[in-house]
Amino acid sequence: MKPRQRLAAFVCSVALVGGSGACTDFTEPAQNVGVEAPPPDPTPSATAEPAPSATAPTPPTPPAPAPEAQATVSASHILVAYAGALRADPSIKRTKEEAQKRAASLVARAKKGEDFAKLADSASDDPSAKMNHGALGSFTKERMVKPFADAAFALKPGEIAGPVETPFGFHVIKRTE
Protein backbone atom coordinates (compact mmCIF):
# COMPACT_ATOMS: atom_id res chain seq x y z
CA MET A 1 0.00 0.00 0.00
CA LYS A 2 1.39 3.42 -0.96
CA PRO A 3 1.92 6.04 1.76
CA ARG A 4 -0.89 8.16 0.39
CA GLN A 5 -3.30 5.16 0.46
CA ARG A 6 -2.29 4.40 4.06
CA LEU A 7 -3.01 8.01 4.99
CA ALA A 8 -6.42 7.83 3.28
CA ALA A 9 -7.29 4.65 5.10
CA PHE A 10 -6.23 6.17 8.43
CA VAL A 11 -8.13 9.42 7.84
CA CYS A 12 -11.18 7.45 6.70
CA SER A 13 -11.14 5.25 9.81
CA VAL A 14 -10.69 8.32 12.04
CA ALA A 15 -13.58 10.08 10.28
CA LEU A 16 -15.85 7.06 10.70
CA VAL A 17 -14.90 6.55 14.36
CA GLY A 18 -15.25 10.26 15.01
CA GLY A 19 -18.86 10.03 13.97
CA SER A 20 -18.87 12.09 10.78
CA GLY A 21 -20.08 9.07 8.81
CA ALA A 22 -18.29 10.34 5.72
CA CYS A 23 -14.98 9.37 4.32
CA THR A 24 -13.09 11.23 1.64
CA ASP A 25 -10.82 9.36 -0.70
CA PHE A 26 -7.44 11.08 -0.34
CA THR A 27 -5.78 8.94 -3.01
CA GLU A 28 -7.15 11.08 -5.84
CA PRO A 29 -6.38 14.73 -6.34
CA ALA A 30 -9.16 17.01 -5.19
CA GLN A 31 -11.13 18.29 -8.14
CA ASN A 32 -14.47 19.91 -8.17
CA VAL A 33 -14.78 19.77 -4.40
CA GLY A 34 -18.40 20.25 -3.40
CA VAL A 35 -19.69 19.27 -6.85
CA GLU A 36 -21.57 16.04 -7.35
CA ALA A 37 -19.82 13.35 -9.31
CA PRO A 38 -21.06 12.82 -12.84
CA PRO A 39 -23.31 9.82 -13.43
CA PRO A 40 -21.52 6.61 -14.36
CA ASP A 41 -20.75 5.98 -18.04
CA PRO A 42 -23.57 3.86 -19.51
CA THR A 43 -21.22 2.06 -21.93
CA PRO A 44 -19.96 -1.25 -20.60
CA SER A 45 -16.36 -1.40 -19.54
CA ALA A 46 -13.93 -4.21 -20.21
CA THR A 47 -14.42 -5.53 -16.67
CA ALA A 48 -18.21 -5.52 -16.82
CA GLU A 49 -20.01 -8.81 -17.30
CA PRO A 50 -21.19 -9.48 -20.83
CA ALA A 51 -24.83 -8.79 -21.60
CA PRO A 52 -27.04 -11.88 -21.57
CA SER A 53 -27.43 -13.40 -25.00
CA ALA A 54 -30.66 -13.05 -26.86
CA THR A 55 -30.85 -16.76 -27.64
CA ALA A 56 -33.69 -18.88 -26.32
CA PRO A 57 -33.12 -20.65 -23.01
CA THR A 58 -32.13 -24.29 -23.09
CA PRO A 59 -35.13 -26.56 -22.51
CA PRO A 60 -35.08 -28.55 -19.27
CA THR A 61 -33.56 -32.00 -19.37
CA PRO A 62 -36.23 -34.71 -19.25
CA PRO A 63 -36.18 -36.88 -16.14
CA ALA A 64 -34.13 -40.04 -16.29
CA PRO A 65 -36.12 -43.21 -16.92
CA ALA A 66 -37.07 -45.12 -13.81
CA PRO A 67 -34.40 -47.62 -12.84
CA GLU A 68 -35.15 -51.31 -13.25
CA ALA A 69 -35.38 -51.49 -9.47
CA GLN A 70 -38.68 -49.59 -9.69
CA ALA A 71 -40.16 -52.13 -12.09
CA THR A 72 -42.64 -54.54 -10.60
CA VAL A 73 -43.61 -58.13 -11.20
CA SER A 74 -46.44 -60.22 -9.84
CA ALA A 75 -45.82 -63.72 -8.61
CA SER A 76 -47.09 -66.57 -6.49
CA HIS A 77 -44.96 -68.88 -4.40
CA ILE A 78 -44.87 -72.00 -2.33
CA LEU A 79 -42.55 -71.94 0.67
CA VAL A 80 -41.00 -75.15 1.97
CA ALA A 81 -39.39 -74.32 5.30
CA TYR A 82 -37.04 -76.47 7.39
CA ALA A 83 -36.12 -76.62 11.06
CA GLY A 84 -33.96 -73.59 11.84
CA ALA A 85 -35.02 -71.51 8.82
CA LEU A 86 -35.86 -67.86 9.47
CA ARG A 87 -39.41 -67.52 10.89
CA ALA A 88 -40.06 -71.24 10.44
CA ASP A 89 -42.92 -72.58 12.53
CA PRO A 90 -41.47 -74.47 15.51
CA SER A 91 -43.54 -77.51 14.54
CA ILE A 92 -41.54 -77.96 11.31
CA LYS A 93 -39.03 -80.79 11.85
CA ARG A 94 -37.82 -81.50 8.28
CA THR A 95 -34.14 -81.03 7.50
CA LYS A 96 -32.81 -78.61 4.92
CA GLU A 97 -32.17 -81.51 2.52
CA GLU A 98 -35.71 -82.84 2.97
CA ALA A 99 -37.11 -79.37 2.32
CA GLN A 100 -35.08 -79.01 -0.86
CA LYS A 101 -36.31 -82.40 -2.17
CA ARG A 102 -39.91 -81.52 -1.35
CA ALA A 103 -39.58 -78.16 -3.14
CA ALA A 104 -38.06 -79.87 -6.20
CA SER A 105 -41.01 -82.29 -6.27
CA LEU A 106 -43.44 -79.35 -6.13
CA VAL A 107 -41.61 -77.62 -8.99
CA ALA A 108 -41.99 -80.74 -11.13
CA ARG A 109 -45.70 -81.02 -10.32
CA ALA A 110 -46.31 -77.34 -11.10
CA LYS A 111 -44.41 -77.57 -14.38
CA LYS A 112 -46.54 -80.59 -15.36
CA GLY A 113 -49.59 -78.35 -15.08
CA GLU A 114 -51.00 -78.93 -11.60
CA ASP A 115 -52.96 -75.96 -10.33
CA PHE A 116 -50.40 -73.72 -8.60
CA ALA A 117 -52.93 -72.17 -6.21
CA LYS A 118 -54.06 -75.63 -5.02
CA LEU A 119 -50.43 -76.72 -4.55
CA ALA A 120 -49.78 -73.58 -2.48
CA ASP A 121 -52.90 -74.24 -0.38
CA SER A 122 -51.87 -77.80 0.43
CA ALA A 123 -48.06 -77.66 0.55
CA SER A 124 -46.84 -74.15 1.44
CA ASP A 125 -45.41 -73.38 4.87
CA ASP A 126 -46.19 -69.68 4.33
CA PRO A 127 -48.89 -68.91 6.94
CA SER A 128 -50.80 -66.70 4.48
CA ALA A 129 -50.85 -69.28 1.66
CA LYS A 130 -54.28 -70.64 2.53
CA MET A 131 -55.77 -67.14 2.38
CA ASN A 132 -54.03 -65.89 -0.78
CA HIS A 133 -53.32 -69.25 -2.51
CA GLY A 134 -49.62 -68.31 -2.65
CA ALA A 135 -50.25 -65.03 -4.49
CA LEU A 136 -47.88 -62.26 -3.49
CA GLY A 137 -49.27 -59.55 -5.78
CA SER A 138 -46.98 -56.98 -7.40
CA PHE A 139 -43.66 -56.07 -5.83
CA THR A 140 -40.38 -54.31 -6.58
CA LYS A 141 -36.99 -56.01 -6.37
CA GLU A 142 -36.16 -54.21 -3.13
CA ARG A 143 -39.21 -55.61 -1.37
CA MET A 144 -38.03 -59.23 -1.52
CA VAL A 145 -34.84 -60.95 -0.42
CA LYS A 146 -32.27 -60.94 -3.22
CA PRO A 147 -32.35 -64.62 -4.31
CA PHE A 148 -36.15 -64.56 -4.48
CA ALA A 149 -36.27 -61.22 -6.33
CA ASP A 150 -33.57 -62.25 -8.79
CA ALA A 151 -35.45 -65.44 -9.64
CA ALA A 152 -38.87 -63.75 -9.91
CA PHE A 153 -37.58 -60.93 -12.12
CA ALA A 154 -35.77 -63.40 -14.41
CA LEU A 155 -39.00 -65.28 -15.19
CA LYS A 156 -41.47 -64.51 -17.93
CA PRO A 157 -45.17 -64.51 -17.04
CA GLY A 158 -46.36 -68.10 -16.61
CA GLU A 159 -42.87 -69.52 -15.98
CA ILE A 160 -41.97 -71.43 -12.83
CA ALA A 161 -38.62 -71.47 -11.01
CA GLY A 162 -37.25 -73.32 -8.07
CA PRO A 163 -36.24 -74.47 -5.72
CA VAL A 164 -34.91 -71.02 -4.81
CA GLU A 165 -33.18 -70.93 -1.44
CA THR A 166 -33.58 -67.96 0.90
CA PRO A 167 -33.14 -67.67 4.67
CA PHE A 168 -36.84 -68.63 4.96
CA GLY A 169 -36.46 -71.98 3.18
CA PHE A 170 -36.97 -73.12 -0.41
CA HIS A 171 -39.42 -71.40 -2.74
CA VAL A 172 -41.27 -72.51 -5.82
CA ILE A 173 -42.01 -69.29 -7.74
CA LYS A 174 -44.51 -68.70 -10.52
CA ARG A 175 -44.49 -65.33 -12.21
CA THR A 176 -48.04 -64.27 -12.92
CA GLU A 177 -47.40 -60.87 -14.59
C-alpha atoms as a PDB file:
ATOM      1  CA  MET A   1       0.000   0.000   0.000  1.00  0.00           C
ATOM      2  CA  LYS A   2       1.385   3.417  -0.960  1.00  0.00           C
ATOM      3  CA  PRO A   3       1.919   6.042   1.760  1.00  0.00           C
ATOM      4  CA  ARG A   4      -0.892   8.164   0.387  1.00  0.00           C
ATOM      5  CA  GLN A   5      -3.304   5.157   0.457  1.00  0.00           C
ATOM      6  CA  ARG A   6      -2.294   4.397   4.060  1.00  0.00           C
ATOM      7  CA  LEU A   7      -3.014   8.015   4.994  1.00  0.00           C
ATOM      8  CA  ALA A   8      -6.420   7.830   3.283  1.00  0.00           C
ATOM      9  CA  ALA A   9      -7.292   4.646   5.103  1.00  0.00           C
ATOM     10  CA  PHE A  10      -6.227   6.169   8.428  1.00  0.00           C
ATOM     11  CA  VAL A  11      -8.134   9.416   7.839  1.00  0.00           C
ATOM     12  CA  CYS A  12     -11.177   7.445   6.704  1.00  0.00           C
ATOM     13  CA  SER A  13     -11.142   5.249   9.811  1.00  0.00           C
ATOM     14  CA  VAL A  14     -10.695   8.321  12.042  1.00  0.00           C
ATOM     15  CA  ALA A  15     -13.584  10.077  10.284  1.00  0.00           C
ATOM     16  CA  LEU A  16     -15.852   7.056  10.705  1.00  0.00           C
ATOM     17  CA  VAL A  17     -14.899   6.553  14.358  1.00  0.00           C
ATOM     18  CA  GLY A  18     -15.249  10.262  15.009  1.00  0.00           C
ATOM     19  CA  GLY A  19     -18.864  10.031  13.973  1.00  0.00           C
ATOM     20  CA  SER A  20     -18.874  12.089  10.782  1.00  0.00           C
ATOM     21  CA  GLY A  21     -20.082   9.071   8.806  1.00  0.00           C
ATOM     22  CA  ALA A  22     -18.290  10.339   5.718  1.00  0.00           C
ATOM     23  CA  CYS A  23     -14.977   9.368   4.320  1.00  0.00           C
ATOM     24  CA  THR A  24     -13.091  11.225   1.642  1.00  0.00           C
ATOM     25  CA  ASP A  25     -10.816   9.362  -0.698  1.00  0.00           C
ATOM     26  CA  PHE A  26      -7.435  11.075  -0.335  1.00  0.00           C
ATOM     27  CA  THR A  27      -5.777   8.939  -3.006  1.00  0.00           C
ATOM     28  CA  GLU A  28      -7.147  11.077  -5.843  1.00  0.00           C
ATOM     29  CA  PRO A  29      -6.383  14.731  -6.341  1.00  0.00           C
ATOM     30  CA  ALA A  30      -9.161  17.011  -5.188  1.00  0.00           C
ATOM     31  CA  GLN A  31     -11.129  18.294  -8.140  1.00  0.00           C
ATOM     32  CA  ASN A  32     -14.475  19.905  -8.169  1.00  0.00           C
ATOM     33  CA  VAL A  33     -14.781  19.769  -4.399  1.00  0.00           C
ATOM     34  CA  GLY A  34     -18.404  20.254  -3.402  1.00  0.00           C
ATOM     35  CA  VAL A  35     -19.693  19.268  -6.848  1.00  0.00           C
ATOM     36  CA  GLU A  36     -21.573  16.040  -7.347  1.00  0.00           C
ATOM     37  CA  ALA A  37     -19.815  13.352  -9.312  1.00  0.00           C
ATOM     38  CA  PRO A  38     -21.062  12.817 -12.844  1.00  0.00           C
ATOM     39  CA  PRO A  39     -23.310   9.822 -13.433  1.00  0.00           C
ATOM     40  CA  PRO A  40     -21.516   6.606 -14.362  1.00  0.00           C
ATOM     41  CA  ASP A  41     -20.748   5.976 -18.036  1.00  0.00           C
ATOM     42  CA  PRO A  42     -23.567   3.859 -19.515  1.00  0.00           C
ATOM     43  CA  THR A  43     -21.220   2.059 -21.931  1.00  0.00           C
ATOM     44  CA  PRO A  44     -19.955  -1.253 -20.603  1.00  0.00           C
ATOM     45  CA  SER A  45     -16.356  -1.397 -19.545  1.00  0.00           C
ATOM     46  CA  ALA A  46     -13.935  -4.211 -20.214  1.00  0.00           C
ATOM     47  CA  THR A  47     -14.416  -5.533 -16.672  1.00  0.00           C
ATOM     48  CA  ALA A  48     -18.214  -5.521 -16.821  1.00  0.00           C
ATOM     49  CA  GLU A  49     -20.013  -8.812 -17.299  1.00  0.00           C
ATOM     50  CA  PRO A  50     -21.190  -9.480 -20.833  1.00  0.00           C
ATOM     51  CA  ALA A  51     -24.832  -8.790 -21.600  1.00  0.00           C
ATOM     52  CA  PRO A  52     -27.043 -11.878 -21.568  1.00  0.00           C
ATOM     53  CA  SER A  53     -27.427 -13.404 -25.000  1.00  0.00           C
ATOM     54  CA  ALA A  54     -30.661 -13.046 -26.858  1.00  0.00           C
ATOM     55  CA  THR A  55     -30.849 -16.764 -27.642  1.00  0.00           C
ATOM     56  CA  ALA A  56     -33.686 -18.884 -26.321  1.00  0.00           C
ATOM     57  CA  PRO A  57     -33.115 -20.652 -23.012  1.00  0.00           C
ATOM     58  CA  THR A  58     -32.132 -24.292 -23.087  1.00  0.00           C
ATOM     59  CA  PRO A  59     -35.135 -26.564 -22.513  1.00  0.00           C
ATOM     60  CA  PRO A  60     -35.080 -28.549 -19.273  1.00  0.00           C
ATOM     61  CA  THR A  61     -33.560 -31.999 -19.374  1.00  0.00           C
ATOM     62  CA  PRO A  62     -36.228 -34.714 -19.253  1.00  0.00           C
ATOM     63  CA  PRO A  63     -36.176 -36.879 -16.137  1.00  0.00           C
ATOM     64  CA  ALA A  64     -34.134 -40.044 -16.290  1.00  0.00           C
ATOM     65  CA  PRO A  65     -36.117 -43.207 -16.925  1.00  0.00           C
ATOM     66  CA  ALA A  66     -37.072 -45.118 -13.810  1.00  0.00           C
ATOM     67  CA  PRO A  67     -34.397 -47.625 -12.840  1.00  0.00           C
ATOM     68  CA  GLU A  68     -35.147 -51.315 -13.250  1.00  0.00           C
ATOM     69  CA  ALA A  69     -35.380 -51.491  -9.469  1.00  0.00           C
ATOM     70  CA  GLN A  70     -38.678 -49.588  -9.694  1.00  0.00           C
ATOM     71  CA  ALA A  71     -40.164 -52.133 -12.093  1.00  0.00           C
ATOM     72  CA  THR A  72     -42.636 -54.541 -10.604  1.00  0.00           C
ATOM     73  CA  VAL A  73     -43.611 -58.130 -11.204  1.00  0.00           C
ATOM     74  CA  SER A  74     -46.440 -60.219  -9.841  1.00  0.00           C
ATOM     75  CA  ALA A  75     -45.817 -63.722  -8.612  1.00  0.00           C
ATOM     76  CA  SER A  76     -47.092 -66.568  -6.485  1.00  0.00           C
ATOM     77  CA  HIS A  77     -44.964 -68.881  -4.400  1.00  0.00           C
ATOM     78  CA  ILE A  78     -44.870 -72.001  -2.331  1.00  0.00           C
ATOM     79  CA  LEU A  79     -42.555 -71.945   0.671  1.00  0.00           C
ATOM     80  CA  VAL A  80     -41.003 -75.149   1.970  1.00  0.00           C
ATOM     81  CA  ALA A  81     -39.387 -74.315   5.302  1.00  0.00           C
ATOM     82  CA  TYR A  82     -37.043 -76.471   7.393  1.00  0.00           C
ATOM     83  CA  ALA A  83     -36.122 -76.619  11.057  1.00  0.00           C
ATOM     84  CA  GLY A  84     -33.964 -73.594  11.836  1.00  0.00           C
ATOM     85  CA  ALA A  85     -35.024 -71.507   8.819  1.00  0.00           C
ATOM     86  CA  LEU A  86     -35.861 -67.860   9.474  1.00  0.00           C
ATOM     87  CA  ARG A  87     -39.412 -67.517  10.890  1.00  0.00           C
ATOM     88  CA  ALA A  88     -40.060 -71.244  10.441  1.00  0.00           C
ATOM     89  CA  ASP A  89     -42.917 -72.575  12.529  1.00  0.00           C
ATOM     90  CA  PRO A  90     -41.467 -74.472  15.510  1.00  0.00           C
ATOM     91  CA  SER A  91     -43.544 -77.508  14.544  1.00  0.00           C
ATOM     92  CA  ILE A  92     -41.539 -77.965  11.313  1.00  0.00           C
ATOM     93  CA  LYS A  93     -39.031 -80.789  11.854  1.00  0.00           C
ATOM     94  CA  ARG A  94     -37.821 -81.496   8.283  1.00  0.00           C
ATOM     95  CA  THR A  95     -34.144 -81.026   7.503  1.00  0.00           C
ATOM     96  CA  LYS A  96     -32.807 -78.613   4.921  1.00  0.00           C
ATOM     97  CA  GLU A  97     -32.170 -81.514   2.519  1.00  0.00           C
ATOM     98  CA  GLU A  98     -35.707 -82.838   2.968  1.00  0.00           C
ATOM     99  CA  ALA A  99     -37.114 -79.372   2.325  1.00  0.00           C
ATOM    100  CA  GLN A 100     -35.085 -79.015  -0.857  1.00  0.00           C
ATOM    101  CA  LYS A 101     -36.311 -82.402  -2.168  1.00  0.00           C
ATOM    102  CA  ARG A 102     -39.915 -81.525  -1.350  1.00  0.00           C
ATOM    103  CA  ALA A 103     -39.577 -78.161  -3.141  1.00  0.00           C
ATOM    104  CA  ALA A 104     -38.056 -79.871  -6.196  1.00  0.00           C
ATOM    105  CA  SER A 105     -41.012 -82.288  -6.270  1.00  0.00           C
ATOM    106  CA  LEU A 106     -43.437 -79.348  -6.130  1.00  0.00           C
ATOM    107  CA  VAL A 107     -41.612 -77.617  -8.993  1.00  0.00           C
ATOM    108  CA  ALA A 108     -41.995 -80.744 -11.126  1.00  0.00           C
ATOM    109  CA  ARG A 109     -45.700 -81.021 -10.317  1.00  0.00           C
ATOM    110  CA  ALA A 110     -46.312 -77.341 -11.098  1.00  0.00           C
ATOM    111  CA  LYS A 111     -44.414 -77.570 -14.384  1.00  0.00           C
ATOM    112  CA  LYS A 112     -46.544 -80.586 -15.359  1.00  0.00           C
ATOM    113  CA  GLY A 113     -49.588 -78.346 -15.078  1.00  0.00           C
ATOM    114  CA  GLU A 114     -51.004 -78.934 -11.595  1.00  0.00           C
ATOM    115  CA  ASP A 115     -52.957 -75.963 -10.328  1.00  0.00           C
ATOM    116  CA  PHE A 116     -50.402 -73.717  -8.599  1.00  0.00           C
ATOM    117  CA  ALA A 117     -52.927 -72.170  -6.206  1.00  0.00           C
ATOM    118  CA  LYS A 118     -54.055 -75.626  -5.017  1.00  0.00           C
ATOM    119  CA  LEU A 119     -50.429 -76.716  -4.551  1.00  0.00           C
ATOM    120  CA  ALA A 120     -49.783 -73.581  -2.484  1.00  0.00           C
ATOM    121  CA  ASP A 121     -52.897 -74.237  -0.380  1.00  0.00           C
ATOM    122  CA  SER A 122     -51.866 -77.800   0.432  1.00  0.00           C
ATOM    123  CA  ALA A 123     -48.059 -77.663   0.545  1.00  0.00           C
ATOM    124  CA  SER A 124     -46.843 -74.152   1.442  1.00  0.00           C
ATOM    125  CA  ASP A 125     -45.409 -73.376   4.866  1.00  0.00           C
ATOM    126  CA  ASP A 126     -46.190 -69.682   4.331  1.00  0.00           C
ATOM    127  CA  PRO A 127     -48.890 -68.912   6.942  1.00  0.00           C
ATOM    128  CA  SER A 128     -50.796 -66.699   4.475  1.00  0.00           C
ATOM    129  CA  ALA A 129     -50.849 -69.284   1.657  1.00  0.00           C
ATOM    130  CA  LYS A 130     -54.277 -70.644   2.529  1.00  0.00           C
ATOM    131  CA  MET A 131     -55.773 -67.141   2.377  1.00  0.00           C
ATOM    132  CA  ASN A 132     -54.032 -65.886  -0.785  1.00  0.00           C
ATOM    133  CA  HIS A 133     -53.319 -69.247  -2.510  1.00  0.00           C
ATOM    134  CA  GLY A 134     -49.624 -68.309  -2.653  1.00  0.00           C
ATOM    135  CA  ALA A 135     -50.253 -65.033  -4.490  1.00  0.00           C
ATOM    136  CA  LEU A 136     -47.881 -62.255  -3.491  1.00  0.00           C
ATOM    137  CA  GLY A 137     -49.269 -59.552  -5.777  1.00  0.00           C
ATOM    138  CA  SER A 138     -46.983 -56.984  -7.396  1.00  0.00           C
ATOM    139  CA  PHE A 139     -43.657 -56.066  -5.826  1.00  0.00           C
ATOM    140  CA  THR A 140     -40.376 -54.314  -6.578  1.00  0.00           C
ATOM    141  CA  LYS A 141     -36.990 -56.008  -6.375  1.00  0.00           C
ATOM    142  CA  GLU A 142     -36.162 -54.209  -3.127  1.00  0.00           C
ATOM    143  CA  ARG A 143     -39.208 -55.611  -1.374  1.00  0.00           C
ATOM    144  CA  MET A 144     -38.027 -59.234  -1.521  1.00  0.00           C
ATOM    145  CA  VAL A 145     -34.844 -60.945  -0.422  1.00  0.00           C
ATOM    146  CA  LYS A 146     -32.272 -60.936  -3.216  1.00  0.00           C
ATOM    147  CA  PRO A 147     -32.355 -64.623  -4.307  1.00  0.00           C
ATOM    148  CA  PHE A 148     -36.154 -64.563  -4.485  1.00  0.00           C
ATOM    149  CA  ALA A 149     -36.268 -61.220  -6.325  1.00  0.00           C
ATOM    150  CA  ASP A 150     -33.567 -62.249  -8.794  1.00  0.00           C
ATOM    151  CA  ALA A 151     -35.455 -65.442  -9.645  1.00  0.00           C
ATOM    152  CA  ALA A 152     -38.869 -63.751  -9.908  1.00  0.00           C
ATOM    153  CA  PHE A 153     -37.579 -60.935 -12.122  1.00  0.00           C
ATOM    154  CA  ALA A 154     -35.766 -63.402 -14.414  1.00  0.00           C
ATOM    155  CA  LEU A 155     -38.997 -65.279 -15.188  1.00  0.00           C
ATOM    156  CA  LYS A 156     -41.466 -64.508 -17.934  1.00  0.00           C
ATOM    157  CA  PRO A 157     -45.171 -64.514 -17.043  1.00  0.00           C
ATOM    158  CA  GLY A 158     -46.358 -68.100 -16.614  1.00  0.00           C
ATOM    159  CA  GLU A 159     -42.870 -69.520 -15.976  1.00  0.00           C
ATOM    160  CA  ILE A 160     -41.969 -71.435 -12.832  1.00  0.00           C
ATOM    161  CA  ALA A 161     -38.618 -71.473 -11.013  1.00  0.00           C
ATOM    162  CA  GLY A 162     -37.249 -73.317  -8.069  1.00  0.00           C
ATOM    163  CA  PRO A 163     -36.242 -74.474  -5.724  1.00  0.00           C
ATOM    164  CA  VAL A 164     -34.907 -71.020  -4.811  1.00  0.00           C
ATOM    165  CA  GLU A 165     -33.180 -70.928  -1.438  1.00  0.00           C
ATOM    166  CA  THR A 166     -33.577 -67.963   0.903  1.00  0.00           C
ATOM    167  CA  PRO A 167     -33.139 -67.668   4.674  1.00  0.00           C
ATOM    168  CA  PHE A 168     -36.838 -68.633   4.955  1.00  0.00           C
ATOM    169  CA  GLY A 169     -36.465 -71.981   3.181  1.00  0.00           C
ATOM    170  CA  PHE A 170     -36.970 -73.123  -0.411  1.00  0.00           C
ATOM    171  CA  HIS A 171     -39.422 -71.395  -2.735  1.00  0.00           C
ATOM    172  CA  VAL A 172     -41.274 -72.508  -5.823  1.00  0.00           C
ATOM    173  CA  ILE A 173     -42.011 -69.291  -7.737  1.00  0.00           C
ATOM    174  CA  LYS A 174     -44.507 -68.698 -10.520  1.00  0.00           C
ATOM    175  CA  ARG A 175     -44.487 -65.329 -12.207  1.00  0.00           C
ATOM    176  CA  THR A 176     -48.035 -64.269 -12.923  1.00  0.00           C
ATOM    177  CA  GLU A 177     -47.400 -60.874 -14.590  1.00  0.00           C
END
